[in-house]
């Protein structure tokens, strides 16, 4: 990465981001995928980087994407909310 040091400084966390006084710090950070499906979508977006530098083969990446999507949890957050309302 060309701006890796700046990125590291921008994303370094040295406080408890779950405390009220650090809410702004939390909002400035990227969120991790909430499901296997979202993880697969994130991997698809980054696929060219992994291929460019020979980190993984295309077949391996495609298999991982397919495997993650096989959990069929695309609507996991919505489904959890619905289940909570029912109980």
C-alpha atoms as a PDB file:
ATOM      1  CA  UNK A   1       0.000   0.000   0.000  1.00  0.00           C
ATOM      2  CA  UNK A   2       1.287   3.400  -0.924  1.00  0.00           C
ATOM      3  CA  UNK A   3      -0.230   5.094   2.119  1.00  0.00           C
ATOM      4  CA  UNK A   4       0.173   2.234   4.598  1.00  0.00           C
ATOM      5  CA  UNK A   5       1.720   4.372   7.364  1.00  0.00           C
ATOM      6  CA  UNK A   6      -1.025   6.975   7.128  1.00  0.00           C
ATOM      7  CA  UNK A   7      -3.625   4.215   7.107  1.00  0.00           C
ATOM      8  CA  UNK A   8      -2.062   2.610  10.186  1.00  0.00           C
ATOM      9  CA  UNK A   9      -2.062   5.942  12.037  1.00  0.00           C
ATOM     10  CA  UNK A  10      -5.676   6.628  11.045  1.00  0.00           C
ATOM     11  CA  UNK A  11      -6.928   3.217  12.158  1.00  0.00           C
ATOM     12  CA  UNK A  12      -4.770   2.652  15.255  1.00  0.00           C
ATOM     13  CA  UNK A  13      -6.922   2.365  18.363  1.00  0.00           C
ATOM     14  CA  UNK A  14      -5.532   3.054  21.825  1.00  0.00           C
ATOM     15  CA  UNK A  15      -8.823   3.681  23.656  1.00  0.00           C
ATOM     16  CA  UNK A  16     -11.901   1.668  24.547  1.00  0.00           C
ATOM     17  CA  UNK A  17     -14.062   2.416  21.512  1.00  0.00           C
ATOM     18  CA  UNK A  18     -17.157   1.114  23.291  1.00  0.00           C
ATOM     19  CA  UNK A  19     -17.144   3.894  25.879  1.00  0.00           C
ATOM     20  CA  UNK A  20     -19.439   6.843  25.193  1.00  0.00           C
ATOM     21  CA  UNK A  21     -16.591   9.357  25.117  1.00  0.00           C
ATOM     22  CA  UNK A  22     -14.999   7.522  22.180  1.00  0.00           C
ATOM     23  CA  UNK A  23     -18.069   7.145  19.932  1.00  0.00           C
ATOM     24  CA  UNK A  24     -16.536   9.359  17.243  1.00  0.00           C
ATOM     25  CA  UNK A  25     -13.452   7.155  17.112  1.00  0.00           C
ATOM     26  CA  UNK A  26     -15.641   4.083  16.614  1.00  0.00           C
ATOM     27  CA  UNK A  27     -17.595   5.747  13.791  1.00  0.00           C
ATOM     28  CA  UNK A  28     -14.347   6.419  11.934  1.00  0.00           C
ATOM     29  CA  UNK A  29     -13.419   2.745  11.782  1.00  0.00           C
ATOM     30  CA  UNK A  30     -14.490   0.236   9.163  1.00  0.00           C
ATOM     31  CA  UNK A  31     -16.868  -2.469  10.309  1.00  0.00           C
ATOM     32  CA  UNK A  32     -16.152  -6.157   9.940  1.00  0.00           C
ATOM     33  CA  UNK A  33     -18.562  -8.250   7.870  1.00  0.00           C
ATOM     34  CA  UNK A  34     -21.595  -9.376   9.870  1.00  0.00           C
ATOM     35  CA  UNK A  35     -22.097 -12.665   8.044  1.00  0.00           C
ATOM     36  CA  UNK A  36     -20.346 -15.215   5.893  1.00  0.00           C
ATOM     37  CA  UNK A  37     -22.154 -13.752   2.883  1.00  0.00           C
ATOM     38  CA  UNK A  38     -20.766 -10.267   3.613  1.00  0.00           C
ATOM     39  CA  UNK A  39     -17.301 -11.803   4.056  1.00  0.00           C
ATOM     40  CA  UNK A  40     -17.621 -13.399   0.621  1.00  0.00           C
ATOM     41  CA  UNK A  41     -18.637 -10.066  -0.899  1.00  0.00           C
ATOM     42  CA  UNK A  42     -15.659  -8.347   0.735  1.00  0.00           C
ATOM     43  CA  UNK A  43     -13.329 -11.035  -0.615  1.00  0.00           C
ATOM     44  CA  UNK A  44     -14.807 -10.584  -4.105  1.00  0.00           C
ATOM     45  CA  UNK A  45     -14.018  -6.857  -3.939  1.00  0.00           C
ATOM     46  CA  UNK A  46     -10.405  -7.561  -2.917  1.00  0.00           C
ATOM     47  CA  UNK A  47      -9.882 -10.527  -5.236  1.00  0.00           C
ATOM     48  CA  UNK A  48      -7.754  -8.621  -7.738  1.00  0.00           C
ATOM     49  CA  UNK A  49      -5.253  -7.636  -5.031  1.00  0.00           C
ATOM     50  CA  UNK A  50      -4.767 -11.249  -3.925  1.00  0.00           C
ATOM     51  CA  UNK A  51      -4.348 -12.341  -7.537  1.00  0.00           C
ATOM     52  CA  UNK A  52      -2.023  -9.472  -8.444  1.00  0.00           C
ATOM     53  CA  UNK A  53       0.459 -10.370  -5.719  1.00  0.00           C
ATOM     54  CA  UNK A  54       0.015 -14.135  -6.024  1.00  0.00           C
ATOM     55  CA  UNK A  55      -1.253 -14.541  -2.482  1.00  0.00           C
ATOM     56  CA  UNK A  56      -3.973 -17.021  -3.444  1.00  0.00           C
ATOM     57  CA  UNK A  57      -4.904 -18.690  -6.717  1.00  0.00           C
ATOM     58  CA  UNK A  58      -8.127 -17.709  -8.443  1.00  0.00           C
ATOM     59  CA  UNK A  59      -9.527 -21.188  -7.876  1.00  0.00           C
ATOM     60  CA  UNK A  60      -8.854 -20.958  -4.148  1.00  0.00           C
ATOM     61  CA  UNK A  61     -10.507 -17.540  -3.873  1.00  0.00           C
ATOM     62  CA  UNK A  62     -13.530 -18.647  -5.885  1.00  0.00           C
ATOM     63  CA  UNK A  63     -13.889 -21.760  -3.708  1.00  0.00           C
ATOM     64  CA  UNK A  64     -13.748 -19.698  -0.493  1.00  0.00           C
ATOM     65  CA  UNK A  65     -16.333 -17.261  -1.854  1.00  0.00           C
ATOM     66  CA  UNK A  66     -18.608 -20.131  -2.831  1.00  0.00           C
ATOM     67  CA  UNK A  67     -18.131 -21.837   0.533  1.00  0.00           C
ATOM     68  CA  UNK A  68     -18.924 -18.679   2.490  1.00  0.00           C
ATOM     69  CA  UNK A  69     -22.041 -18.032   0.432  1.00  0.00           C
ATOM     70  CA  UNK A  70     -23.191 -21.630   0.970  1.00  0.00           C
ATOM     71  CA  UNK A  71     -24.100 -20.691   4.561  1.00  0.00           C
ATOM     72  CA  UNK A  72     -26.864 -18.599   3.012  1.00  0.00           C
ATOM     73  CA  UNK A  73     -26.805 -16.012   5.801  1.00  0.00           C
ATOM     74  CA  UNK A  74     -27.137 -12.916   3.634  1.00  0.00           C
ATOM     75  CA  UNK A  75     -30.020 -11.627   5.751  1.00  0.00           C
ATOM     76  CA  UNK A  76     -28.608 -12.696   9.103  1.00  0.00           C
ATOM     77  CA  UNK A  77     -29.122  -9.347  10.835  1.00  0.00           C
ATOM     78  CA  UNK A  78     -32.715  -9.077   9.642  1.00  0.00           C
ATOM     79  CA  UNK A  79     -33.429 -12.674  10.634  1.00  0.00           C
ATOM     80  CA  UNK A  80     -32.051 -12.106  14.133  1.00  0.00           C
ATOM     81  CA  UNK A  81     -34.254  -9.039  14.608  1.00  0.00           C
ATOM     82  CA  UNK A  82     -37.314 -11.007  13.450  1.00  0.00           C
ATOM     83  CA  UNK A  83     -36.490 -13.874  15.814  1.00  0.00           C
ATOM     84  CA  UNK A  84     -36.055 -11.496  18.749  1.00  0.00           C
ATOM     85  CA  UNK A  85     -39.433  -9.927  18.064  1.00  0.00           C
ATOM     86  CA  UNK A  86     -41.087 -13.351  18.056  1.00  0.00           C
ATOM     87  CA  UNK A  87     -39.648 -14.417  21.390  1.00  0.00           C
END
